[in-house]
Structures are given as C-alpha cells and as structure tokens.
Amino acid sequence: MTRSPSETTNSPSPNGQDSSSQGLLSRLWSWINSYGGLSDLRKSNAELSKQNARLAELESKLDIVLQSSDSNLLPTISTDDN
C-alpha cells in the first residue's frame, strides 16, 4: 500500500500549521482586535442580524404593497393617430 504525499509530509509545526497559515492567523487576529475584539464583533453581528430581520420584514411588506398596487392599475390603451 502506498501513501499519498499528504500522509508522508511532516508538518513544520506541532499543531499542523505551516508558517503561511500562522501568518494568516496572525493577520486575522490583528484584524479582529482592530474592531475591538471578539466580544465587540459578536455584539455587532447580533445588531446586524436584527437589522437584517427588520429589513426582510419591510421588504416583504413592500412586496405586498407593490403587488396590490399593480393589480389595481388599469391597462393602458394605445391609440394610433396615423
């Protein structure tokens, strides 16, 4: 039985992350901290979720209003003056 290259490759760090993924995690953590940390991001996410729910509700109501106004419109009759 042969092993695939991924099975035989030793990872350079004990937790299986190479230097590029560690750099990515470092940049990600810096970005998170620039927004005040995880707790502030969670609060912001919760607020945005509430706003999205409210927008979806308003969009639904607007669709109902627009559909009812479309059904009340009379078809236009075109006349040719030629």
PDB file of N, CA and C in Angstrom:
ATOM      1  N   MET A   1       0.847  -1.184   0.000  1.00  0.00           N
ATOM      2  CA  MET A   1       0.000   0.000   0.000  1.00  0.00           C
ATOM      3  C   MET A   1       0.885   1.238   0.000  1.00  0.00           C
ATOM      4  N   THR A   2       0.600   2.181  -0.897  1.00  0.00           N
ATOM      5  CA  THR A   2       1.408   3.399  -0.979  1.00  0.00           C
ATOM      6  C   THR A   2       0.704   4.520  -0.249  1.00  0.00           C
ATOM      7  N   ARG A   3       1.491   5.410   0.261  1.00  0.00           N
ATOM      8  CA  ARG A   3       0.941   6.561   0.982  1.00  0.00           C
ATOM      9  C   ARG A   3       0.896   7.762   0.058  1.00  0.00           C
ATOM     10  N   SER A   4      -0.117   8.587   0.258  1.00  0.00           N
ATOM     11  CA  SER A   4      -0.205   9.813  -0.528  1.00  0.00           C
ATOM     12  C   SER A   4       0.814  10.805   0.012  1.00  0.00           C
ATOM     13  N   PRO A   5       1.192  11.791  -0.805  1.00  0.00           N
ATOM     14  CA  PRO A   5       2.167  12.785  -0.328  1.00  0.00           C
ATOM     15  C   PRO A   5       1.726  13.507   0.930  1.00  0.00           C
ATOM     16  N   SER A   6       0.427  13.719   1.102  1.00  0.00           N
ATOM     17  CA  SER A   6      -0.038  14.417   2.304  1.00  0.00           C
ATOM     18  C   SER A   6       0.142  13.569   3.552  1.00  0.00           C
ATOM     19  N   GLU A   7       0.117  12.274   3.408  1.00  0.00           N
ATOM     20  CA  GLU A   7       0.297  11.408   4.563  1.00  0.00           C
ATOM     21  C   GLU A   7       1.763  11.300   4.972  1.00  0.00           C
ATOM     22  N   THR A   8       2.663  11.448   4.011  1.00  0.00           N
ATOM     23  CA  THR A   8       4.083  11.283   4.318  1.00  0.00           C
ATOM     24  C   THR A   8       4.767  12.602   4.621  1.00  0.00           C
ATOM     25  N   THR A   9       4.112  13.726   4.359  1.00  0.00           N
ATOM     26  CA  THR A   9       4.713  15.032   4.605  1.00  0.00           C
ATOM     27  C   THR A   9       4.622  15.357   6.081  1.00  0.00           C
ATOM     28  N   ASN A  10       5.745  15.731   6.656  1.00  0.00           N
ATOM     29  CA  ASN A  10       5.755  16.159   8.057  1.00  0.00           C
ATOM     30  C   ASN A  10       5.456  17.646   8.110  1.00  0.00           C
ATOM     31  N   SER A  11       4.562  18.035   8.967  1.00  0.00           N
ATOM     32  CA  SER A  11       4.264  19.449   9.096  1.00  0.00           C
ATOM     33  C   SER A  11       5.343  20.104   9.945  1.00  0.00           C
ATOM     34  N   PRO A  12       5.704  21.340   9.606  1.00  0.00           N
ATOM     35  CA  PRO A  12       6.795  22.009  10.311  1.00  0.00           C
ATOM     36  C   PRO A  12       6.485  22.406  11.742  1.00  0.00           C
ATOM     37  N   SER A  13       5.223  22.476  12.121  1.00  0.00           N
ATOM     38  CA  SER A  13       4.898  22.840  13.500  1.00  0.00           C
ATOM     39  C   SER A  13       4.063  21.738  14.126  1.00  0.00           C
ATOM     40  N   PRO A  14       4.089  21.611  15.436  1.00  0.00           N
ATOM     41  CA  PRO A  14       3.399  20.500  16.100  1.00  0.00           C
ATOM     42  C   PRO A  14       1.893  20.511  15.919  1.00  0.00           C
ATOM     43  N   ASN A  15       1.282  21.664  15.704  1.00  0.00           N
ATOM     44  CA  ASN A  15      -0.168  21.705  15.550  1.00  0.00           C
ATOM     45  C   ASN A  15      -0.601  21.603  14.091  1.00  0.00           C
ATOM     46  N   GLY A  16       0.315  21.297  13.181  1.00  0.00           N
ATOM     47  CA  GLY A  16      -0.029  21.069  11.795  1.00  0.00           C
ATOM     48  C   GLY A  16      -0.158  22.317  10.951  1.00  0.00           C
ATOM     49  N   GLN A  17       0.245  23.476  11.453  1.00  0.00           N
ATOM     50  CA  GLN A  17       0.142  24.714  10.694  1.00  0.00           C
ATOM     51  C   GLN A  17       1.511  25.118  10.197  1.00  0.00           C
ATOM     52  N   ASP A  18       1.583  25.484   8.924  1.00  0.00           N
ATOM     53  CA  ASP A  18       2.851  25.966   8.414  1.00  0.00           C
ATOM     54  C   ASP A  18       2.952  27.466   8.641  1.00  0.00           C
ATOM     55  N   SER A  19       4.068  28.037   8.255  1.00  0.00           N
ATOM     56  CA  SER A  19       4.299  29.457   8.544  1.00  0.00           C
ATOM     57  C   SER A  19       3.311  30.355   7.816  1.00  0.00           C
ATOM     58  N   SER A  20       2.852  29.967   6.617  1.00  0.00           N
ATOM     59  CA  SER A  20       1.904  30.820   5.900  1.00  0.00           C
ATOM     60  C   SER A  20       0.552  30.862   6.604  1.00  0.00           C
ATOM     61  N   SER A  21       0.095  29.714   7.134  1.00  0.00           N
ATOM     62  CA  SER A  21      -1.186  29.736   7.844  1.00  0.00           C
ATOM     63  C   SER A  21      -1.052  30.449   9.184  1.00  0.00           C
ATOM     64  N   GLN A  22       0.119  30.367   9.809  1.00  0.00           N
ATOM     65  CA  GLN A  22       0.331  31.113  11.053  1.00  0.00           C
ATOM     66  C   GLN A  22       0.311  32.611  10.775  1.00  0.00           C
ATOM     67  N   GLY A  23       0.891  33.021   9.634  1.00  0.00           N
ATOM     68  CA  GLY A  23       0.854  34.433   9.261  1.00  0.00           C
ATOM     69  C   GLY A  23      -0.564  34.896   8.997  1.00  0.00           C
ATOM     70  N   LEU A  24      -1.354  34.032   8.353  1.00  0.00           N
ATOM     71  CA  LEU A  24      -2.746  34.359   8.087  1.00  0.00           C
ATOM     72  C   LEU A  24      -3.529  34.499   9.385  1.00  0.00           C
ATOM     73  N   LEU A  25      -3.307  33.573  10.308  1.00  0.00           N
ATOM     74  CA  LEU A  25      -3.990  33.649  11.606  1.00  0.00           C
ATOM     75  C   LEU A  25      -3.584  34.905  12.365  1.00  0.00           C
ATOM     76  N   SER A  26      -2.314  35.260  12.260  1.00  0.00           N
ATOM     77  CA  SER A  26      -1.837  36.473  12.932  1.00  0.00           C
ATOM     78  C   SER A  26      -2.515  37.712  12.360  1.00  0.00           C
ATOM     79  N   ARG A  27      -2.618  37.781  11.032  1.00  0.00           N
ATOM     80  CA  ARG A  27      -3.289  38.930  10.398  1.00  0.00           C
ATOM     81  C   ARG A  27      -4.769  38.954  10.746  1.00  0.00           C
ATOM     82  N   LEU A  28      -5.395  37.768  10.784  1.00  0.00           N
ATOM     83  CA  LEU A  28      -6.804  37.689  11.146  1.00  0.00           C
ATOM     84  C   LEU A  28      -7.028  38.170  12.570  1.00  0.00           C
ATOM     85  N   TRP A  29      -6.176  37.742  13.482  1.00  0.00           N
ATOM     86  CA  TRP A  29      -6.306  38.168  14.874  1.00  0.00           C
ATOM     87  C   TRP A  29      -6.099  39.674  15.011  1.00  0.00           C
ATOM     88  N   SER A  30      -5.149  40.219  14.263  1.00  0.00           N
ATOM     89  CA  SER A  30      -4.933  41.676  14.284  1.00  0.00           C
ATOM     90  C   SER A  30      -6.164  42.409  13.778  1.00  0.00           C
ATOM     91  N   TRP A  31      -6.784  41.874  12.714  1.00  0.00           N
ATOM     92  CA  TRP A  31      -7.986  42.491  12.159  1.00  0.00           C
ATOM     93  C   TRP A  31      -9.116  42.450  13.179  1.00  0.00           C
ATOM     94  N   ILE A  32      -9.287  41.309  13.845  1.00  0.00           N
ATOM     95  CA  ILE A  32     -10.335  41.178  14.868  1.00  0.00           C
ATOM     96  C   ILE A  32     -10.094  42.175  15.991  1.00  0.00           C
ATOM     97  N   ASN A  33      -8.855  42.287  16.439  1.00  0.00           N
ATOM     98  CA  ASN A  33      -8.536  43.221  17.523  1.00  0.00           C
ATOM     99  C   ASN A  33      -8.744  44.666  17.104  1.00  0.00           C
ATOM    100  N   SER A  34      -8.566  44.970  15.814  1.00  0.00           N
ATOM    101  CA  SER A  34      -8.777  46.345  15.352  1.00  0.00           C
ATOM    102  C   SER A  34     -10.242  46.745  15.465  1.00  0.00           C
ATOM    103  N   TYR A  35     -11.143  45.767  15.521  1.00  0.00           N
ATOM    104  CA  TYR A  35     -12.568  46.039  15.701  1.00  0.00           C
ATOM    105  C   TYR A  35     -13.004  45.898  17.153  1.00  0.00           C
ATOM    106  N   GLY A  36     -12.066  45.811  18.065  1.00  0.00           N
ATOM    107  CA  GLY A  36     -12.405  45.767  19.479  1.00  0.00           C
ATOM    108  C   GLY A  36     -12.456  44.370  20.059  1.00  0.00           C
ATOM    109  N   GLY A  37     -12.050  43.384  19.314  1.00  0.00           N
ATOM    110  CA  GLY A  37     -12.020  42.017  19.832  1.00  0.00           C
ATOM    111  C   GLY A  37     -13.271  41.235  19.501  1.00  0.00           C
ATOM    112  N   LEU A  38     -13.280  39.996  19.931  1.00  0.00           N
ATOM    113  CA  LEU A  38     -14.370  39.086  19.594  1.00  0.00           C
ATOM    114  C   LEU A  38     -15.711  39.499  20.197  1.00  0.00           C
ATOM    115  N   SER A  39     -15.704  40.012  21.413  1.00  0.00           N
ATOM    116  CA  SER A  39     -16.984  40.359  22.038  1.00  0.00           C
ATOM    117  C   SER A  39     -17.667  41.497  21.285  1.00  0.00           C
ATOM    118  N   ASP A  40     -16.896  42.485  20.840  1.00  0.00           N
ATOM    119  CA  ASP A  40     -17.488  43.575  20.069  1.00  0.00           C
ATOM    120  C   ASP A  40     -17.979  43.092  18.713  1.00  0.00           C
ATOM    121  N   LEU A  41     -17.240  42.171  18.094  1.00  0.00           N
ATOM    122  CA  LEU A  41     -17.694  41.612  16.823  1.00  0.00           C
ATOM    123  C   LEU A  41     -18.986  40.828  17.001  1.00  0.00           C
ATOM    124  N   ARG A  42     -19.099  40.105  18.106  1.00  0.00           N
ATOM    125  CA  ARG A  42     -20.332  39.354  18.370  1.00  0.00           C
ATOM    126  C   ARG A  42     -21.507  40.307  18.559  1.00  0.00           C
ATOM    127  N   LYS A  43     -21.295  41.397  19.296  1.00  0.00           N
ATOM    128  CA  LYS A  43     -22.357  42.388  19.505  1.00  0.00           C
ATOM    129  C   LYS A  43     -22.766  43.012  18.173  1.00  0.00           C
ATOM    130  N   SER A  44     -21.780  43.366  17.374  1.00  0.00           N
ATOM    131  CA  SER A  44     -22.051  43.966  16.072  1.00  0.00           C
ATOM    132  C   SER A  44     -22.811  42.985  15.185  1.00  0.00           C
ATOM    133  N   ASN A  45     -22.415  41.723  15.218  1.00  0.00           N
ATOM    134  CA  ASN A  45     -23.087  40.700  14.430  1.00  0.00           C
ATOM    135  C   ASN A  45     -24.540  40.540  14.870  1.00  0.00           C
ATOM    136  N   ALA A  46     -24.792  40.570  16.162  1.00  0.00           N
ATOM    137  CA  ALA A  46     -26.158  40.450  16.673  1.00  0.00           C
ATOM    138  C   ALA A  46     -27.009  41.635  16.215  1.00  0.00           C
ATOM    139  N   GLU A  47     -26.450  42.842  16.265  1.00  0.00           N
ATOM    140  CA  GLU A  47     -27.179  44.028  15.820  1.00  0.00           C
ATOM    141  C   GLU A  47     -27.487  43.950  14.332  1.00  0.00           C
ATOM    142  N   LEU A  48     -26.504  43.504  13.546  1.00  0.00           N
ATOM    143  CA  LEU A  48     -26.722  43.384  12.107  1.00  0.00           C
ATOM    144  C   LEU A  48     -27.770  42.325  11.792  1.00  0.00           C
ATOM    145  N   SER A  49     -27.790  41.254  12.564  1.00  0.00           N
ATOM    146  CA  SER A  49     -28.803  40.214  12.360  1.00  0.00           C
ATOM    147  C   SER A  49     -30.195  40.768  12.600  1.00  0.00           C
ATOM    148  N   LYS A  50     -30.333  41.597  13.654  1.00  0.00           N
ATOM    149  CA  LYS A  50     -31.636  42.220  13.936  1.00  0.00           C
ATOM    150  C   LYS A  50     -32.028  43.162  12.815  1.00  0.00           C
ATOM    151  N   GLN A  51     -31.055  43.921  12.313  1.00  0.00           N
ATOM    152  CA  GLN A  51     -31.358  44.846  11.221  1.00  0.00           C
ATOM    153  C   GLN A  51     -31.749  44.083   9.955  1.00  0.00           C
ATOM    154  N   ASN A  52     -31.069  42.975   9.696  1.00  0.00           N
ATOM    155  CA  ASN A  52     -31.409  42.167   8.522  1.00  0.00           C
ATOM    156  C   ASN A  52     -32.826  41.615   8.635  1.00  0.00           C
ATOM    157  N   ALA A  53     -33.200  41.176   9.824  1.00  0.00           N
ATOM    158  CA  ALA A  53     -34.549  40.652  10.028  1.00  0.00           C
ATOM    159  C   ALA A  53     -35.580  41.754   9.795  1.00  0.00           C
ATOM    160  N   ARG A  54     -35.292  42.937  10.287  1.00  0.00           N
ATOM    161  CA  ARG A  54     -36.209  44.074  10.110  1.00  0.00           C
ATOM    162  C   ARG A  54     -36.308  44.456   8.636  1.00  0.00           C
ATOM    163  N   LEU A  55     -35.172  44.473   7.946  1.00  0.00           N
ATOM    164  CA  LEU A  55     -35.192  44.784   6.515  1.00  0.00           C
ATOM    165  C   LEU A  55     -35.962  43.740   5.720  1.00  0.00           C
ATOM    166  N   ALA A  56     -35.827  42.494   6.079  1.00  0.00           N
ATOM    167  CA  ALA A  56     -36.567  41.427   5.395  1.00  0.00           C
ATOM    168  C   ALA A  56     -38.070  41.606   5.613  1.00  0.00           C
ATOM    169  N   GLU A  57     -38.455  42.001   6.827  1.00  0.00           N
ATOM    170  CA  GLU A  57     -39.865  42.240   7.130  1.00  0.00           C
ATOM    171  C   GLU A  57     -40.402  43.408   6.304  1.00  0.00           C
ATOM    172  N   LEU A  58     -39.625  44.491   6.234  1.00  0.00           N
ATOM    173  CA  LEU A  58     -40.049  45.652   5.457  1.00  0.00           C
ATOM    174  C   LEU A  58     -40.111  45.328   3.960  1.00  0.00           C
ATOM    175  N   GLU A  59     -39.162  44.534   3.495  1.00  0.00           N
ATOM    176  CA  GLU A  59     -39.151  44.143   2.086  1.00  0.00           C
ATOM    177  C   GLU A  59     -40.396  43.318   1.757  1.00  0.00           C
ATOM    178  N   SER A  60     -40.758  42.429   2.648  1.00  0.00           N
ATOM    179  CA  SER A  60     -41.953  41.609   2.454  1.00  0.00           C
ATOM    180  C   SER A  60     -43.206  42.477   2.388  1.00  0.00           C
ATOM    181  N   LYS A  61     -43.313  43.443   3.292  1.00  0.00           N
ATOM    182  CA  LYS A  61     -44.461  44.349   3.288  1.00  0.00           C
ATOM    183  C   LYS A  61     -44.489  45.193   2.022  1.00  0.00           C
ATOM    184  N   LEU A  62     -43.329  45.640   1.585  1.00  0.00           N
ATOM    185  CA  LEU A  62     -43.250  46.444   0.371  1.00  0.00           C
ATOM    186  C   LEU A  62     -43.678  45.627  -0.844  1.00  0.00           C
ATOM    187  N   ASP A  63     -43.270  44.373  -0.892  1.00  0.00           N
ATOM    188  CA  ASP A  63     -43.681  43.493  -1.991  1.00  0.00           C
ATOM    189  C   ASP A  63     -45.203  43.361  -2.038  1.00  0.00           C
ATOM    190  N   ILE A  64     -45.822  43.225  -0.868  1.00  0.00           N
ATOM    191  CA  ILE A  64     -47.282  43.101  -0.804  1.00  0.00           C
ATOM    192  C   ILE A  64     -47.941  44.371  -1.323  1.00  0.00           C
ATOM    193  N   VAL A  65     -47.436  45.523  -0.907  1.00  0.00           N
ATOM    194  CA  VAL A  65     -47.999  46.798  -1.342  1.00  0.00           C
ATOM    195  C   VAL A  65     -47.835  46.967  -2.852  1.00  0.00           C
ATOM    196  N   LEU A  66     -46.648  46.637  -3.360  1.00  0.00           N
ATOM    197  CA  LEU A  66     -46.403  46.797  -4.794  1.00  0.00           C
ATOM    198  C   LEU A  66     -47.265  45.840  -5.612  1.00  0.00           C
ATOM    199  N   GLN A  67     -47.442  44.622  -5.132  1.00  0.00           N
ATOM    200  CA  GLN A  67     -48.285  43.665  -5.853  1.00  0.00           C
ATOM    201  C   GLN A  67     -49.740  44.124  -5.872  1.00  0.00           C
ATOM    202  N   SER A  68     -50.214  44.661  -4.770  1.00  0.00           N
ATOM    203  CA  SER A  68     -51.602  45.110  -4.733  1.00  0.00           C
ATOM    204  C   SER A  68     -51.794  46.352  -5.588  1.00  0.00           C
ATOM    205  N   SER A  69     -50.797  47.228  -5.644  1.00  0.00           N
ATOM    206  CA  SER A  69     -50.926  48.422  -6.476  1.00  0.00           C
ATOM    207  C   SER A  69     -50.854  48.055  -7.954  1.00  0.00           C
ATOM    208  N   ASP A  70     -50.081  47.019  -8.310  1.00  0.00           N
ATOM    209  CA  ASP A  70     -50.012  46.569  -9.691  1.00  0.00           C
ATOM    210  C   ASP A  70     -51.349  45.976 -10.137  1.00  0.00           C
ATOM    211  N   SER A  71     -52.012  45.292  -9.262  1.00  0.00           N
ATOM    212  CA  SER A  71     -53.290  44.676  -9.640  1.00  0.00           C
ATOM    213  C   SER A  71     -54.396  45.711  -9.763  1.00  0.00           C
ATOM    214  N   ASN A  72     -54.225  46.884  -9.161  1.00  0.00           N
ATOM    215  CA  ASN A  72     -55.238  47.932  -9.238  1.00  0.00           C
ATOM    216  C   ASN A  72     -55.059  48.829 -10.452  1.00  0.00           C
ATOM    217  N   LEU A  73     -53.950  48.686 -11.142  1.00  0.00           N
ATOM    218  CA  LEU A  73     -53.709  49.523 -12.309  1.00  0.00           C
ATOM    219  C   LEU A  73     -54.543  49.033 -13.489  1.00  0.00           C
ATOM    220  N   LEU A  74     -55.081  49.990 -14.213  1.00  0.00           N
ATOM    221  CA  LEU A  74     -55.828  49.640 -15.411  1.00  0.00           C
ATOM    222  C   LEU A  74     -54.858  49.524 -16.572  1.00  0.00           C
ATOM    223  N   PRO A  75     -55.080  48.602 -17.456  1.00  0.00           N
ATOM    224  CA  PRO A  75     -54.179  48.508 -18.608  1.00  0.00           C
ATOM    225  C   PRO A  75     -54.325  49.743 -19.483  1.00  0.00           C
ATOM    226  N   THR A  76     -53.225  50.196 -20.003  1.00  0.00           N
ATOM    227  CA  THR A  76     -53.265  51.381 -20.857  1.00  0.00           C
ATOM    228  C   THR A  76     -53.681  50.969 -22.259  1.00  0.00           C
ATOM    229  N   ILE A  77     -54.490  51.807 -22.875  1.00  0.00           N
ATOM    230  CA  ILE A  77     -54.960  51.530 -24.235  1.00  0.00           C
ATOM    231  C   ILE A  77     -54.189  52.447 -25.167  1.00  0.00           C
ATOM    232  N   SER A  78     -53.497  51.842 -26.094  1.00  0.00           N
ATOM    233  CA  SER A  78     -52.730  52.657 -27.033  1.00  0.00           C
ATOM    234  C   SER A  78     -53.619  53.000 -28.217  1.00  0.00           C
ATOM    235  N   THR A  79     -53.503  54.218 -28.662  1.00  0.00           N
ATOM    236  CA  THR A  79     -54.254  54.657 -29.849  1.00  0.00           C
ATOM    237  C   THR A  79     -53.276  55.124 -30.895  1.00  0.00           C
ATOM    238  N   ASP A  80     -53.541  54.745 -32.094  1.00  0.00           N
ATOM    239  CA  ASP A  80     -52.702  55.183 -33.195  1.00  0.00           C
ATOM    240  C   ASP A  80     -53.323  56.393 -33.845  1.00  0.00           C
ATOM    241  N   ASP A  81     -52.545  57.437 -33.963  1.00  0.00           N
ATOM    242  CA  ASP A  81     -53.053  58.662 -34.579  1.00  0.00           C
ATOM    243  C   ASP A  81     -52.773  58.689 -36.075  1.00  0.00           C
ATOM    244  N   ASN A  82     -52.274  57.624 -36.643  1.00  0.00           N
ATOM    245  CA  ASN A  82     -51.925  57.611 -38.062  1.00  0.00           C
ATOM    246  C   ASN A  82     -53.143  57.474 -38.917  1.00  0.00           C
TER     247      ASN A  82
END
